[in-house]
Amino acid sequence: MSRAINLNLTHDQVQAAVLKHKAVISAIEPLFPRGTRVVLTNADQAATIRRALKAQVIDGPVKRTPLRTLAL
């Protein structure tokens, strides 16, 4: 099972829900035009969040925004 979940929630709503369920975020990014993609540190946590937020899970393709990383 994937650790990544696309949710029809804001960044802050996702962070609050993950904290409430004592899960740990590995990565988080906005989706276009709305929503948030979150990657949890393990599949068990992802399954917990999927169950808790099943009404907000986005199924199907989404448009991701590019993440920028700094070159060292």
C-alpha atoms as a PDB file:
ATOM      1  CA  MET A   1       0.000   0.000   0.000  1.00  0.00           C
ATOM      2  CA  SER A   2       1.200   3.497  -0.835  1.00  0.00           C
ATOM      3  CA  ARG A   3       2.231   5.923   1.860  1.00  0.00           C
ATOM      4  CA  ALA A   4       0.980   8.852  -0.274  1.00  0.00           C
ATOM      5  CA  ILE A   5      -2.580  10.182  -0.041  1.00  0.00           C
ATOM      6  CA  ASN A   6      -4.256  12.971  -2.009  1.00  0.00           C
ATOM      7  CA  LEU A   7      -6.808  14.788   0.128  1.00  0.00           C
ATOM      8  CA  ASN A   8      -9.394  17.462  -0.608  1.00  0.00           C
ATOM      9  CA  LEU A   9      -8.239  19.451   2.433  1.00  0.00           C
ATOM     10  CA  THR A  10      -5.971  22.419   3.062  1.00  0.00           C
ATOM     11  CA  HIS A  11      -2.385  22.047   4.221  1.00  0.00           C
ATOM     12  CA  ASP A  12      -3.358  23.077   7.766  1.00  0.00           C
ATOM     13  CA  GLN A  13      -6.329  20.684   7.881  1.00  0.00           C
ATOM     14  CA  VAL A  14      -4.101  17.795   6.802  1.00  0.00           C
ATOM     15  CA  GLN A  15      -1.476  18.642   9.412  1.00  0.00           C
ATOM     16  CA  ALA A  16      -4.126  18.814  12.150  1.00  0.00           C
ATOM     17  CA  ALA A  17      -5.658  15.470  11.140  1.00  0.00           C
ATOM     18  CA  VAL A  18      -2.272  13.741  10.973  1.00  0.00           C
ATOM     19  CA  LEU A  19      -1.312  15.131  14.401  1.00  0.00           C
ATOM     20  CA  LYS A  20      -4.665  14.009  15.860  1.00  0.00           C
ATOM     21  CA  HIS A  21      -3.988  10.436  14.698  1.00  0.00           C
ATOM     22  CA  LYS A  22      -0.347  10.535  15.863  1.00  0.00           C
ATOM     23  CA  ALA A  23       1.018   9.887  12.383  1.00  0.00           C
ATOM     24  CA  VAL A  24       4.221  11.422  11.007  1.00  0.00           C
ATOM     25  CA  ILE A  25       4.459  13.340   7.720  1.00  0.00           C
ATOM     26  CA  SER A  26       7.363  12.529   5.432  1.00  0.00           C
ATOM     27  CA  ALA A  27       6.387  15.074   2.732  1.00  0.00           C
ATOM     28  CA  ILE A  28       3.486  17.410   2.057  1.00  0.00           C
ATOM     29  CA  GLU A  29       2.661  19.503  -1.029  1.00  0.00           C
ATOM     30  CA  PRO A  30      -0.258  21.466  -2.469  1.00  0.00           C
ATOM     31  CA  LEU A  31      -2.287  20.129  -5.393  1.00  0.00           C
ATOM     32  CA  PHE A  32      -3.702  22.232  -8.210  1.00  0.00           C
ATOM     33  CA  PRO A  33      -6.334  23.708  -8.117  1.00  0.00           C
ATOM     34  CA  ARG A  34      -7.023  22.542  -4.556  1.00  0.00           C
ATOM     35  CA  GLY A  35      -6.126  19.783  -2.161  1.00  0.00           C
ATOM     36  CA  THR A  36      -3.002  18.427  -0.538  1.00  0.00           C
ATOM     37  CA  ARG A  37      -0.761  15.439  -1.180  1.00  0.00           C
ATOM     38  CA  VAL A  38       0.692  13.965   1.988  1.00  0.00           C
ATOM     39  CA  VAL A  39       3.216  11.154   2.350  1.00  0.00           C
ATOM     40  CA  LEU A  40       3.342   9.404   5.715  1.00  0.00           C
ATOM     41  CA  THR A  41       6.383   7.626   7.137  1.00  0.00           C
ATOM     42  CA  ASN A  42       4.828   4.155   6.954  1.00  0.00           C
ATOM     43  CA  ALA A  43       1.947   2.302   5.330  1.00  0.00           C
ATOM     44  CA  ASP A  44       0.140   1.612   8.632  1.00  0.00           C
ATOM     45  CA  GLN A  45      -0.111   5.339   9.344  1.00  0.00           C
ATOM     46  CA  ALA A  46      -1.290   5.966   5.784  1.00  0.00           C
ATOM     47  CA  ALA A  47      -4.022   3.337   6.184  1.00  0.00           C
ATOM     48  CA  THR A  48      -5.166   4.977   9.430  1.00  0.00           C
ATOM     49  CA  ILE A  49      -5.383   8.404   7.790  1.00  0.00           C
ATOM     50  CA  ARG A  50      -7.169   6.945   4.734  1.00  0.00           C
ATOM     51  CA  ARG A  51      -9.817   5.375   6.989  1.00  0.00           C
ATOM     52  CA  ALA A  52     -10.229   8.503   9.114  1.00  0.00           C
ATOM     53  CA  LEU A  53     -10.481  10.870   6.128  1.00  0.00           C
ATOM     54  CA  LYS A  54     -12.114   8.575   3.570  1.00  0.00           C
ATOM     55  CA  ALA A  55     -14.677  11.227   2.543  1.00  0.00           C
ATOM     56  CA  GLN A  56     -11.852  13.637   1.646  1.00  0.00           C
ATOM     57  CA  VAL A  57      -9.599  11.202  -0.267  1.00  0.00           C
ATOM     58  CA  ILE A  58      -9.173  12.206  -3.915  1.00  0.00           C
ATOM     59  CA  ASP A  59      -9.334   9.170  -6.197  1.00  0.00           C
ATOM     60  CA  GLY A  60      -7.900   9.316  -9.680  1.00  0.00           C
ATOM     61  CA  PRO A  61      -5.310  11.571 -11.266  1.00  0.00           C
ATOM     62  CA  VAL A  62      -4.364  14.916  -9.743  1.00  0.00           C
ATOM     63  CA  LYS A  63      -2.218  17.800 -10.915  1.00  0.00           C
ATOM     64  CA  ARG A  64       0.823  18.153  -8.688  1.00  0.00           C
ATOM     65  CA  THR A  65       2.818  21.321  -8.276  1.00  0.00           C
ATOM     66  CA  PRO A  66       6.584  20.985  -8.760  1.00  0.00           C
ATOM     67  CA  LEU A  67       8.639  20.814  -5.590  1.00  0.00           C
ATOM     68  CA  ARG A  68      11.823  22.808  -5.646  1.00  0.00           C
ATOM     69  CA  THR A  69      14.919  21.495  -3.951  1.00  0.00           C
ATOM     70  CA  LEU A  70      18.143  23.338  -3.300  1.00  0.00           C
ATOM     71  CA  ALA A  71      21.279  22.035  -4.919  1.00  0.00           C
ATOM     72  CA  LEU A  72      24.137  21.652  -2.465  1.00  0.00           C
END
